[in-house]
Amino acid sequence: RGMFRQDIWTEWAAQMMGANRHGGEHIAEAVKRGFEVFPQIELGKQLTGEDCKWYNEWVTNTSEDDPYWSEGFWCELKDSLKDIHIPLFLHGGWYDVFIRSQLESWRALPKETRGKSRFEIGPWHHGGTPSGDLTYPGEARTGLFQIKEALEWFDYQLKGKPYPHRLGVVEAYSIGDNKWKVWEDDIVTESHIVFYFDMDNALSVEKPSDIGKTVFVYDPNDPIKSLSFGLAKGSVYHPGPG
């Protein structure tokens, strides 16, 4: 919390600036260049030759308490959730860039609204499909992109047809268990696992007897490349050093 999601917003901004928003083969190169801009407030100038005012406001208002976020449009947008009274079908993915805000939005809805709504979360990225190195048996139970789910919801809401799923629940795919689970009203954590760094800088569930420290050098001019970023990210295996 509090960390600027450059993997999401810098990519999106690079796609939306200037002629990029009309598409074209050069967009991928613009996105790659965008990640390498430092300082980021220079993004607009380096990609299009002009400042990008809205992106600069994002990267310079670093606290959620800043007036930019706590007043005006963004504040009104956040507060509007409590006034939603129509039934909703929320569709999200564990690897979707918006899953955190979707969960927060679900929880901010009036309880009566949640009671007649439904929230489904699958092992998908922003495009509604899985990617990465893991497999997810049974994730496509309602077809590609879950089109059947949307049609069933609209048939129920607009045509009065019976709805084949439970309302007032969060139904989510449990990664690792490889099965769908249902939570009444809101999804909750079933267990907690604490991991520790051992002396070899590997993760372990065993608390080390010798508490040491790990030091690393942060150099924004020499970043470590990520193996997974952008709107189509998934679970990606990151090999260890060497």
Protein backbone atom coordinates (compact mmCIF):
# COMPACT_ATOMS: atom_id res chain seq x y z
CA ARG A 1 0.00 0.00 0.00
CA GLY A 2 1.37 3.41 -0.93
CA MET A 3 3.61 2.06 -3.70
CA PHE A 4 2.93 3.50 -7.14
CA ARG A 5 1.93 0.64 -9.45
CA GLN A 6 4.23 1.51 -12.32
CA ASP A 7 3.64 -1.90 -13.89
CA ILE A 8 0.02 -0.87 -14.43
CA TRP A 9 -0.21 2.90 -14.67
CA THR A 10 2.99 3.65 -16.58
CA GLU A 11 2.05 1.08 -19.22
CA TRP A 12 -1.49 2.43 -19.49
CA ALA A 13 -0.28 6.05 -19.62
CA ALA A 14 2.24 5.24 -22.35
CA GLN A 15 -0.58 3.68 -24.37
CA MET A 16 -2.89 6.67 -23.89
CA MET A 17 -0.47 9.51 -24.63
CA GLY A 18 -0.60 11.32 -27.95
CA ALA A 19 -0.93 9.20 -31.08
CA ASN A 20 -0.46 5.99 -29.06
CA ARG A 21 -4.12 5.93 -28.07
CA HIS A 22 -5.06 5.25 -31.71
CA GLY A 23 -3.09 2.00 -31.71
CA GLY A 24 -0.21 0.85 -33.83
CA GLU A 25 2.79 -1.42 -33.77
CA HIS A 26 4.94 1.19 -32.03
CA ILE A 27 2.94 1.02 -28.76
CA ALA A 28 4.96 -1.89 -27.34
CA GLU A 29 8.17 0.06 -27.89
CA ALA A 30 6.65 3.16 -26.28
CA VAL A 31 5.65 1.13 -23.22
CA LYS A 32 9.16 -0.33 -22.94
CA ARG A 33 10.67 3.15 -23.16
CA GLY A 34 8.17 4.42 -20.60
CA PHE A 35 9.39 2.02 -17.92
CA GLU A 36 12.93 3.28 -18.42
CA VAL A 37 12.13 7.00 -18.02
CA PHE A 38 13.67 8.53 -14.90
CA PRO A 39 12.42 10.64 -13.25
CA GLN A 40 8.90 9.53 -14.17
CA ILE A 41 7.58 13.08 -14.24
CA GLU A 42 9.43 13.33 -17.56
CA LEU A 43 7.35 10.53 -19.10
CA GLY A 44 5.18 12.74 -21.28
CA LYS A 45 8.06 14.85 -22.57
CA GLN A 46 10.21 11.87 -23.45
CA LEU A 47 7.43 9.95 -25.20
CA THR A 48 5.51 12.75 -26.92
CA GLY A 49 7.53 15.93 -26.41
CA GLU A 50 4.85 17.41 -24.12
CA ASP A 51 4.08 17.17 -20.41
CA CYS A 52 1.30 14.76 -19.48
CA LYS A 53 -0.50 16.72 -16.75
CA TRP A 54 -2.71 13.93 -15.43
CA TYR A 55 0.16 11.44 -15.16
CA ASN A 56 2.32 14.02 -13.40
CA GLU A 57 -0.48 14.53 -10.87
CA TRP A 58 -0.54 10.80 -10.20
CA VAL A 59 3.19 10.48 -9.53
CA THR A 60 3.49 13.66 -7.46
CA ASN A 61 0.48 13.12 -5.16
CA THR A 62 2.06 10.27 -3.25
CA SER A 63 -0.32 10.02 -0.27
CA GLU A 64 -3.94 8.92 -0.36
CA ASP A 65 -4.59 11.83 2.01
CA ASP A 66 -3.42 14.38 -0.56
CA PRO A 67 -6.25 16.73 -1.65
CA TYR A 68 -5.93 15.39 -5.21
CA TRP A 69 -7.31 12.05 -3.99
CA SER A 70 -9.24 13.06 -0.85
CA GLU A 71 -11.26 15.87 -2.47
CA GLY A 72 -13.15 16.44 -5.69
CA PHE A 73 -13.72 13.79 -8.37
CA TRP A 74 -11.73 10.89 -6.87
CA CYS A 75 -13.30 11.38 -3.45
CA GLU A 76 -16.81 11.59 -4.92
CA LEU A 77 -16.19 8.45 -6.97
CA LYS A 78 -15.11 6.50 -3.90
CA ASP A 79 -18.01 7.78 -1.76
CA SER A 80 -20.59 6.98 -4.47
CA LEU A 81 -20.40 3.24 -3.71
CA LYS A 82 -22.61 3.59 -0.64
CA ASP A 83 -25.40 4.95 -2.86
CA ILE A 84 -25.56 1.95 -5.21
CA HIS A 85 -28.76 -0.02 -4.68
CA ILE A 86 -29.15 -1.97 -7.93
CA PRO A 87 -27.97 -5.62 -8.10
CA LEU A 88 -24.45 -6.07 -9.42
CA PHE A 89 -22.49 -8.93 -10.92
CA LEU A 90 -18.79 -8.27 -10.30
CA HIS A 91 -16.32 -10.29 -12.32
CA GLY A 92 -12.66 -10.26 -11.34
CA GLY A 93 -9.42 -12.18 -11.59
CA TRP A 94 -6.70 -12.86 -9.03
CA TYR A 95 -4.15 -11.56 -11.54
CA ASP A 96 -6.28 -8.63 -12.70
CA VAL A 97 -4.78 -5.23 -11.99
CA PHE A 98 -8.09 -4.12 -10.44
CA ILE A 99 -8.74 -7.00 -8.05
CA ARG A 100 -7.87 -4.99 -4.93
CA SER A 101 -10.18 -2.11 -5.89
CA GLN A 102 -12.94 -4.58 -6.78
CA LEU A 103 -12.72 -6.20 -3.35
CA GLU A 104 -12.78 -2.78 -1.68
CA SER A 105 -15.74 -1.74 -3.84
CA TRP A 106 -17.67 -4.90 -2.95
CA ARG A 107 -17.10 -4.26 0.75
CA ALA A 108 -18.16 -0.61 0.42
CA LEU A 109 -21.55 -1.50 -1.09
CA PRO A 110 -24.59 -1.41 1.22
CA LYS A 111 -25.20 -4.80 2.79
CA GLU A 112 -28.64 -5.00 1.13
CA THR A 113 -27.01 -4.45 -2.28
CA ARG A 114 -24.45 -7.19 -1.68
CA GLY A 115 -27.28 -9.49 -0.65
CA LYS A 116 -28.79 -9.38 -4.14
CA SER A 117 -25.48 -9.25 -6.01
CA ARG A 118 -22.70 -11.69 -6.83
CA PHE A 119 -18.91 -11.46 -7.08
CA GLU A 120 -16.92 -14.06 -9.00
CA ILE A 121 -13.11 -14.23 -8.92
CA GLY A 122 -11.16 -16.61 -11.13
CA PRO A 123 -7.46 -17.27 -11.82
CA TRP A 124 -7.52 -14.76 -14.66
CA HIS A 125 -5.71 -11.61 -15.71
CA HIS A 126 -7.40 -8.44 -17.02
CA GLY A 127 -8.42 -10.16 -20.24
CA GLY A 128 -10.48 -12.79 -18.42
CA THR A 129 -8.17 -15.72 -19.21
CA PRO A 130 -5.35 -17.42 -17.29
CA SER A 131 -1.67 -17.06 -18.14
CA GLY A 132 1.69 -17.80 -16.61
CA ASP A 133 3.32 -21.04 -15.52
CA LEU A 134 0.54 -22.62 -13.46
CA THR A 135 -2.48 -24.57 -14.66
CA TYR A 136 -6.01 -24.12 -13.28
CA PRO A 137 -8.24 -27.16 -13.84
CA GLY A 138 -11.92 -26.25 -14.09
CA GLU A 139 -11.41 -22.49 -14.39
CA ALA A 140 -13.29 -22.32 -17.71
CA ARG A 141 -16.45 -23.98 -16.40
CA THR A 142 -18.65 -21.31 -18.03
CA GLY A 143 -16.79 -20.99 -21.31
CA LEU A 144 -14.18 -18.70 -22.80
CA PHE A 145 -14.13 -15.27 -21.10
CA GLN A 146 -17.04 -16.47 -18.93
CA ILE A 147 -19.54 -15.19 -21.51
CA LYS A 148 -22.16 -17.63 -20.22
CA GLU A 149 -22.01 -15.95 -16.77
CA ALA A 150 -22.81 -12.55 -18.26
CA LEU A 151 -25.67 -13.90 -20.36
CA GLU A 152 -27.17 -15.71 -17.37
CA TRP A 153 -27.02 -12.48 -15.32
CA PHE A 154 -28.70 -10.36 -17.99
CA ASP A 155 -31.33 -13.03 -18.66
CA TYR A 156 -32.12 -12.96 -14.95
CA GLN A 157 -32.15 -9.18 -14.56
CA LEU A 158 -33.70 -8.15 -17.88
CA LYS A 159 -35.85 -11.13 -18.89
CA GLY A 160 -36.85 -12.49 -15.48
CA LYS A 161 -35.37 -15.93 -16.13
CA PRO A 162 -34.29 -18.12 -13.19
CA TYR A 163 -30.74 -17.50 -12.00
CA PRO A 164 -28.68 -20.67 -11.53
CA HIS A 165 -26.19 -19.24 -9.01
CA ARG A 166 -26.33 -18.08 -5.40
CA LEU A 167 -26.67 -14.39 -4.61
CA GLY A 168 -25.06 -12.48 -1.78
CA VAL A 169 -21.83 -14.47 -2.07
CA VAL A 170 -18.28 -14.27 -3.32
CA GLU A 171 -17.40 -17.33 -5.39
CA ALA A 172 -13.68 -17.62 -6.03
CA TYR A 173 -11.21 -20.08 -7.50
CA SER A 174 -8.80 -21.30 -4.82
CA ILE A 175 -5.38 -21.44 -6.43
CA GLY A 176 -3.45 -24.46 -5.22
CA ASP A 177 -6.60 -26.29 -4.21
CA ASN A 178 -7.73 -25.97 -7.83
CA LYS A 179 -11.40 -25.72 -6.99
CA TRP A 180 -14.14 -23.13 -6.65
CA LYS A 181 -15.25 -22.04 -3.18
CA VAL A 182 -18.14 -19.91 -1.93
CA TRP A 183 -18.04 -17.32 0.88
CA GLU A 184 -21.18 -15.79 2.35
CA ASP A 185 -21.20 -12.00 1.93
CA ASP A 186 -17.42 -11.52 1.80
CA ILE A 187 -14.29 -13.53 1.20
CA VAL A 188 -12.21 -14.12 4.32
CA THR A 189 -8.78 -15.57 4.98
CA GLU A 190 -8.99 -19.16 6.14
CA SER A 191 -5.44 -19.42 7.45
CA HIS A 192 -2.19 -17.48 7.77
CA ILE A 193 1.32 -18.71 7.02
CA VAL A 194 4.34 -16.74 8.18
CA PHE A 195 7.45 -17.00 6.04
CA TYR A 196 10.96 -16.10 7.16
CA PHE A 197 14.16 -15.35 5.28
CA ASP A 198 16.75 -17.91 6.23
CA MET A 199 20.49 -17.26 6.16
CA ASP A 200 20.60 -18.24 2.47
CA ASN A 201 17.97 -15.59 1.66
CA ALA A 202 15.42 -18.30 0.90
CA LEU A 203 11.88 -18.37 2.29
CA SER A 204 11.15 -20.85 5.09
CA VAL A 205 8.24 -21.51 7.45
CA GLU A 206 10.78 -22.26 10.20
CA LYS A 207 11.75 -19.26 12.31
CA PRO A 208 15.55 -18.91 12.16
CA SER A 209 17.42 -19.20 15.43
CA ASP A 210 19.92 -16.55 14.36
CA ILE A 211 18.26 -13.26 13.42
CA GLY A 212 20.45 -11.46 10.93
CA LYS A 213 19.89 -8.85 8.28
CA THR A 214 19.77 -8.66 4.51
CA VAL A 215 21.18 -5.71 2.61
CA PHE A 216 20.61 -4.74 -0.98
CA VAL A 217 21.53 -1.73 -3.09
CA TYR A 218 18.67 0.22 -4.66
CA ASP A 219 19.66 1.98 -7.86
CA PRO A 220 16.77 3.33 -9.98
CA ASN A 221 19.22 3.80 -12.86
CA ASP A 222 19.95 0.07 -12.85
CA PRO A 223 16.59 -1.63 -12.21
CA ILE A 224 15.95 -5.36 -12.02
CA LYS A 225 13.75 -6.43 -14.89
CA SER A 226 10.44 -8.06 -13.99
CA LEU A 227 9.35 -11.28 -15.65
CA SER A 228 5.68 -10.40 -15.26
CA PHE A 229 4.10 -7.01 -15.78
CA GLY A 230 1.20 -5.31 -17.50
CA LEU A 231 -2.44 -6.21 -18.00
CA ALA A 232 -1.83 -9.83 -19.07
CA LYS A 233 0.30 -10.92 -16.14
CA GLY A 234 -0.01 -14.29 -14.47
CA SER A 235 1.88 -16.52 -12.09
CA VAL A 236 5.46 -16.65 -13.40
CA TYR A 237 8.32 -18.77 -12.09
CA HIS A 238 11.21 -16.59 -10.95
CA PRO A 239 14.40 -18.66 -10.73
CA GLY A 240 16.84 -17.99 -7.95
CA PRO A 241 20.27 -16.34 -8.34
CA GLY A 242 22.70 -18.17 -10.55
